[in-house]
Amino acid sequence: MSGVRTPLVLAALVIAAAPVTACSDGSDPVASPAPPTTGAATAPADPGRPVTFPAADGAELTGMLFGAGSTAVVLSNMGDNDPADWQRFAPVLGRQGYLVLTYQFRYPVRTQSFTATMATETLADLRGAIAFVRERGAADVVLVGASLGGMATASLAGADGVRAAVVLSSPAEIPELGYAVDTAALEAGTVPILYIAGDRDPVVPAADTRRLYDLTAGPREWQSYPEAGHGSELLDTASGPALTQRLIRFLAETVPAG
């Protein structure tokens, strides 16, 4: 994973919004900033409903449910394990008719002592989240994850009930921790996956996320934005409204709300 320092992969940076120009690599063009009427920050207040559920290995996790429906979207955090970005975005998807789960991995928010075990346990945590929304009546599940959460999302895109996935700003591996995406699963996968990156991401270079795209054998899409934002922080950049619409369109086209 070229040019990435492990502490930065595991903790998101605070990125200021940058001007919008155009998307690279043939992805959708982005007009110079339209009023952010559909951005996550402008969603009507929705406090969500607190929930607890077990990870696949029994560890207790906490989260928030938004919206309702038989199609669920599970939003997985970056390495800082702070769900704030997703909690602002979740009501947007709830208004589209989806049941949306935000949650925290079992390790502390913004921990300064990240270990290989913590990285590995994100898989059991995400498996528990998938099982939880299915027990709540979701027939179809979409996984959306950023950075570290995107690595877990990519690895489990073929899990039972998962119909599509979105991976934002994720590397294929973190060599310093001996942790990597299950690329064999990507090579055998059949569900559509949308990969998203910021062209000037200072944490995970877009080329590292592009590597995951290249390793994916099933249906795949690529989208980049001319930002220095990382992962879910892209929602709060100038490209946030365009990214929000891109996510909504991908969900509507692959796994419509039900």
Protein backbone atom coordinates (compact mmCIF):
# COMPACT_ATOMS: atom_id res chain seq x y z
CA MET A 1 0.00 0.00 0.00
CA SER A 2 2.13 2.80 -1.30
CA GLY A 3 2.52 6.07 0.55
CA VAL A 4 0.18 5.25 3.46
CA ARG A 5 1.18 5.46 7.10
CA THR A 6 -0.80 3.05 9.28
CA PRO A 7 -1.99 5.63 11.86
CA LEU A 8 -3.52 7.69 9.08
CA VAL A 9 -5.33 4.71 7.60
CA LEU A 10 -6.90 4.06 10.98
CA ALA A 11 -7.94 7.62 11.83
CA ALA A 12 -9.66 10.03 9.49
CA LEU A 13 -8.25 13.50 8.91
CA VAL A 14 -10.25 16.71 9.21
CA ILE A 15 -10.45 17.94 5.65
CA ALA A 16 -11.66 21.35 4.52
CA ALA A 17 -14.02 21.50 1.57
CA ALA A 18 -12.25 22.05 -1.74
CA PRO A 19 -13.63 23.62 -4.94
CA VAL A 20 -15.29 21.22 -7.36
CA THR A 21 -13.88 20.93 -10.84
CA ALA A 22 -14.37 17.64 -12.65
CA CYS A 23 -14.21 13.93 -11.95
CA SER A 24 -11.36 11.86 -13.29
CA ASP A 25 -11.10 8.54 -15.11
CA GLY A 26 -14.30 8.86 -17.08
CA SER A 27 -16.58 9.06 -14.06
CA ASP A 28 -19.60 11.31 -13.81
CA PRO A 29 -18.78 15.00 -14.27
CA VAL A 30 -19.55 17.24 -11.31
CA ALA A 31 -20.86 20.71 -11.95
CA SER A 32 -19.40 23.60 -10.01
CA PRO A 33 -21.14 23.47 -6.66
CA ALA A 34 -24.89 23.35 -6.79
CA PRO A 35 -26.80 24.27 -3.64
CA PRO A 36 -26.37 21.31 -1.26
CA THR A 37 -30.05 20.54 -1.04
CA THR A 38 -29.40 16.80 -0.97
CA GLY A 39 -26.22 16.71 1.09
CA ALA A 40 -26.05 14.74 4.31
CA ALA A 41 -25.71 17.87 6.40
CA THR A 42 -29.09 19.19 5.16
CA ALA A 43 -31.14 16.09 5.98
CA PRO A 44 -34.08 16.70 8.32
CA ALA A 45 -33.30 15.93 11.92
CA ASP A 46 -33.74 12.22 12.60
CA PRO A 47 -32.34 11.07 15.93
CA GLY A 48 -32.49 7.42 14.98
CA ARG A 49 -33.32 4.56 17.30
CA PRO A 50 -30.61 3.18 19.59
CA VAL A 51 -30.01 -0.57 19.25
CA THR A 52 -27.64 -3.21 20.57
CA PHE A 53 -26.78 -6.48 18.87
CA PRO A 54 -24.12 -9.19 19.00
CA ALA A 55 -21.16 -9.48 16.69
CA ALA A 56 -20.71 -12.85 15.02
CA ASP A 57 -18.51 -13.95 17.93
CA GLY A 58 -20.88 -12.63 20.61
CA ALA A 59 -19.28 -9.25 21.44
CA GLU A 60 -21.96 -6.64 22.15
CA LEU A 61 -22.18 -3.75 19.70
CA THR A 62 -24.19 -0.54 19.71
CA GLY A 63 -25.76 1.30 16.82
CA MET A 64 -28.59 3.46 15.52
CA LEU A 65 -31.42 2.51 13.16
CA PHE A 66 -32.93 5.02 10.74
CA GLY A 67 -35.84 4.68 8.34
CA ALA A 68 -37.70 1.46 7.62
CA GLY A 69 -38.17 -1.08 4.87
CA SER A 70 -37.23 -4.54 3.67
CA THR A 71 -33.99 -3.34 2.11
CA ALA A 72 -31.26 -2.40 4.59
CA VAL A 73 -28.09 -0.36 4.21
CA VAL A 74 -25.29 -1.02 6.72
CA LEU A 75 -22.81 1.86 7.09
CA SER A 76 -19.37 0.87 8.44
CA ASN A 77 -16.98 3.38 10.00
CA MET A 78 -13.48 4.46 9.13
CA GLY A 79 -10.58 3.55 11.40
CA ASP A 80 -11.41 6.32 13.85
CA ASN A 81 -14.65 4.39 14.57
CA ASP A 82 -16.63 7.63 14.78
CA PRO A 83 -20.09 7.16 13.21
CA ALA A 84 -20.86 10.91 13.07
CA ASP A 85 -20.49 11.23 9.28
CA TRP A 86 -22.75 8.24 8.68
CA GLN A 87 -25.32 9.38 11.24
CA ARG A 88 -25.71 12.64 9.33
CA PHE A 89 -26.04 10.71 6.07
CA ALA A 90 -28.33 7.90 7.27
CA PRO A 91 -31.54 10.03 7.30
CA VAL A 92 -30.96 10.81 3.62
CA LEU A 93 -31.18 7.10 2.80
CA GLY A 94 -34.04 6.66 5.26
CA ARG A 95 -36.04 9.20 3.25
CA GLN A 96 -35.44 7.04 0.17
CA GLY A 97 -37.23 4.12 1.82
CA TYR A 98 -34.29 2.16 3.24
CA LEU A 99 -33.72 0.73 6.70
CA VAL A 100 -30.30 2.12 7.65
CA LEU A 101 -27.92 0.93 10.37
CA THR A 102 -24.97 2.89 11.69
CA TYR A 103 -22.88 1.17 14.34
CA GLN A 104 -19.55 1.17 16.11
CA PHE A 105 -16.89 -1.48 15.97
CA ARG A 106 -16.06 -2.95 19.37
CA TYR A 107 -12.90 -0.93 19.91
CA PRO A 108 -12.88 2.62 21.40
CA VAL A 109 -13.51 5.68 19.25
CA ARG A 110 -10.26 7.34 18.11
CA THR A 111 -8.13 4.84 19.97
CA GLN A 112 -4.40 5.57 20.00
CA SER A 113 -3.51 1.89 20.46
CA PHE A 114 -4.78 0.15 17.37
CA THR A 115 -3.86 -3.50 16.95
CA ALA A 116 -4.05 -6.18 14.29
CA THR A 117 -6.70 -7.95 16.37
CA MET A 118 -8.92 -4.87 16.28
CA ALA A 119 -8.67 -4.78 12.50
CA THR A 120 -9.53 -8.47 12.18
CA GLU A 121 -12.49 -8.18 14.56
CA THR A 122 -14.20 -5.67 12.26
CA LEU A 123 -15.23 -8.66 10.13
CA ALA A 124 -17.09 -10.33 13.00
CA ASP A 125 -18.67 -6.97 13.86
CA LEU A 126 -19.91 -6.43 10.30
CA ARG A 127 -21.20 -10.01 10.12
CA GLY A 128 -23.18 -9.28 13.27
CA ALA A 129 -24.58 -6.10 11.73
CA ILE A 130 -25.70 -8.01 8.63
CA ALA A 131 -27.39 -10.66 10.76
CA PHE A 132 -29.07 -7.98 12.86
CA VAL A 133 -30.76 -6.15 9.96
CA ARG A 134 -31.83 -9.45 8.44
CA GLU A 135 -33.43 -10.41 11.75
CA ARG A 136 -35.22 -7.06 11.58
CA GLY A 137 -36.86 -8.16 8.34
CA ALA A 138 -34.42 -7.01 5.67
CA ALA A 139 -34.54 -9.38 2.72
CA ASP A 140 -31.79 -7.51 0.89
CA VAL A 141 -28.71 -5.79 2.33
CA VAL A 142 -26.33 -3.21 0.90
CA LEU A 143 -22.96 -2.73 2.59
CA VAL A 144 -21.35 0.72 2.54
CA GLY A 145 -17.98 1.19 4.22
CA ALA A 146 -15.23 3.79 4.32
CA SER A 147 -11.50 3.24 4.80
CA LEU A 148 -11.10 0.40 7.34
CA GLY A 149 -14.86 -0.22 7.20
CA GLY A 150 -14.60 -0.40 3.43
CA MET A 151 -12.03 -3.17 3.74
CA ALA A 152 -14.50 -5.22 5.80
CA THR A 153 -17.25 -4.33 3.32
CA ALA A 154 -15.19 -5.56 0.37
CA SER A 155 -14.35 -8.82 2.16
CA LEU A 156 -18.00 -9.55 3.00
CA ALA A 157 -19.68 -8.35 -0.19
CA GLY A 158 -20.53 -11.98 -0.92
CA ALA A 159 -22.18 -12.68 2.46
CA ASP A 160 -25.68 -14.15 2.56
CA GLY A 161 -28.30 -11.52 1.83
CA VAL A 162 -25.83 -8.90 0.55
CA ARG A 163 -26.91 -7.66 -2.88
CA ALA A 164 -24.49 -4.74 -3.47
CA ALA A 165 -21.66 -2.85 -1.82
CA VAL A 166 -19.97 0.55 -1.81
CA VAL A 167 -16.31 0.98 -0.82
CA LEU A 168 -14.94 4.47 -0.15
CA SER A 169 -11.23 5.25 0.12
CA SER A 170 -10.08 1.79 1.14
CA PRO A 171 -6.72 0.09 0.54
CA ALA A 172 -6.34 -3.57 -0.33
CA GLU A 173 -4.05 -4.15 2.65
CA ILE A 174 -2.38 -2.68 5.71
CA PRO A 175 0.99 -4.46 5.68
CA GLU A 176 2.04 -3.07 9.06
CA LEU A 177 -0.86 -4.93 10.69
CA GLY A 178 -0.80 -7.99 8.48
CA TYR A 179 -4.40 -7.19 7.56
CA ALA A 180 -5.84 -7.35 4.04
CA VAL A 181 -9.09 -7.53 2.12
CA ASP A 182 -10.16 -11.05 1.18
CA THR A 183 -9.26 -10.67 -2.48
CA ALA A 184 -10.28 -14.26 -3.24
CA ALA A 185 -13.82 -13.24 -2.30
CA LEU A 186 -13.62 -10.27 -4.67
CA GLU A 187 -12.38 -12.48 -7.47
CA ALA A 188 -15.30 -14.86 -6.92
CA GLY A 189 -17.91 -12.19 -6.21
CA THR A 190 -21.01 -11.55 -8.30
CA VAL A 191 -22.67 -8.58 -6.57
CA PRO A 192 -22.16 -5.07 -7.95
CA ILE A 193 -19.61 -2.94 -6.09
CA LEU A 194 -19.14 0.82 -6.43
CA TYR A 195 -15.64 2.08 -5.58
CA ILE A 196 -15.20 5.74 -4.64
CA ALA A 197 -12.05 7.77 -4.04
CA GLY A 198 -10.85 11.33 -3.62
CA ASP A 199 -8.21 12.24 -6.18
CA ARG A 200 -6.16 14.07 -3.54
CA ASP A 201 -6.87 11.82 -0.56
CA PRO A 202 -3.87 12.26 1.80
CA VAL A 203 -4.64 9.06 3.73
CA VAL A 204 -5.29 6.37 1.11
CA PRO A 205 -4.20 7.32 -2.41
CA ALA A 206 -6.90 6.81 -5.02
CA ALA A 207 -4.59 4.34 -6.75
CA ASP A 208 -4.80 2.03 -3.73
CA THR A 209 -8.59 1.96 -3.89
CA ARG A 210 -8.33 1.48 -7.64
CA ARG A 211 -6.36 -1.69 -6.94
CA LEU A 212 -9.42 -3.16 -5.21
CA TYR A 213 -11.50 -2.21 -8.23
CA ASP A 214 -9.02 -4.01 -10.48
CA LEU A 215 -9.15 -7.14 -8.30
CA THR A 216 -12.95 -7.31 -8.49
CA ALA A 217 -14.22 -9.83 -11.02
CA GLY A 218 -17.94 -9.15 -10.65
CA PRO A 219 -19.92 -6.07 -11.71
CA ARG A 220 -18.04 -2.96 -10.64
CA GLU A 221 -18.15 0.80 -10.99
CA TRP A 222 -15.55 3.49 -10.34
CA GLN A 223 -16.16 7.06 -9.21
CA SER A 224 -13.61 9.66 -8.19
CA TYR A 225 -13.91 13.24 -6.98
CA PRO A 226 -11.31 16.03 -7.17
CA GLU A 227 -11.06 16.33 -3.40
CA ALA A 228 -8.54 15.96 -0.60
CA GLY A 229 -11.25 14.28 1.49
CA HIS A 230 -10.99 10.76 2.87
CA GLY A 231 -13.75 8.17 3.12
CA SER A 232 -17.03 9.36 4.60
CA GLU A 233 -15.53 12.85 4.99
CA LEU A 234 -16.08 13.28 1.24
CA LEU A 235 -19.74 13.86 2.11
CA ASP A 236 -18.76 17.14 3.74
CA THR A 237 -16.65 18.45 0.85
CA ALA A 238 -17.80 20.50 -2.11
CA SER A 239 -18.48 17.23 -3.92
CA GLY A 240 -20.78 16.06 -1.11
CA PRO A 241 -24.07 16.74 -2.96
CA ALA A 242 -22.81 14.95 -6.08
CA LEU A 243 -21.57 12.02 -4.00
CA THR A 244 -24.89 11.79 -2.20
CA GLN A 245 -26.76 11.62 -5.50
CA ARG A 246 -24.27 9.06 -6.84
CA LEU A 247 -24.88 6.80 -3.86
CA ILE A 248 -28.65 7.16 -4.09
CA ARG A 249 -28.57 6.38 -7.81
CA PHE A 250 -26.37 3.31 -7.33
CA LEU A 251 -28.70 1.95 -4.64
CA ALA A 252 -31.82 2.66 -6.72
CA GLU A 253 -30.33 0.91 -9.75
CA THR A 254 -28.95 -2.15 -7.96
CA VAL A 255 -31.12 -2.73 -4.87
CA PRO A 256 -34.25 -0.56 -4.90
CA ALA A 257 -35.86 0.25 -1.57
CA GLY A 258 -38.62 -2.11 -0.58
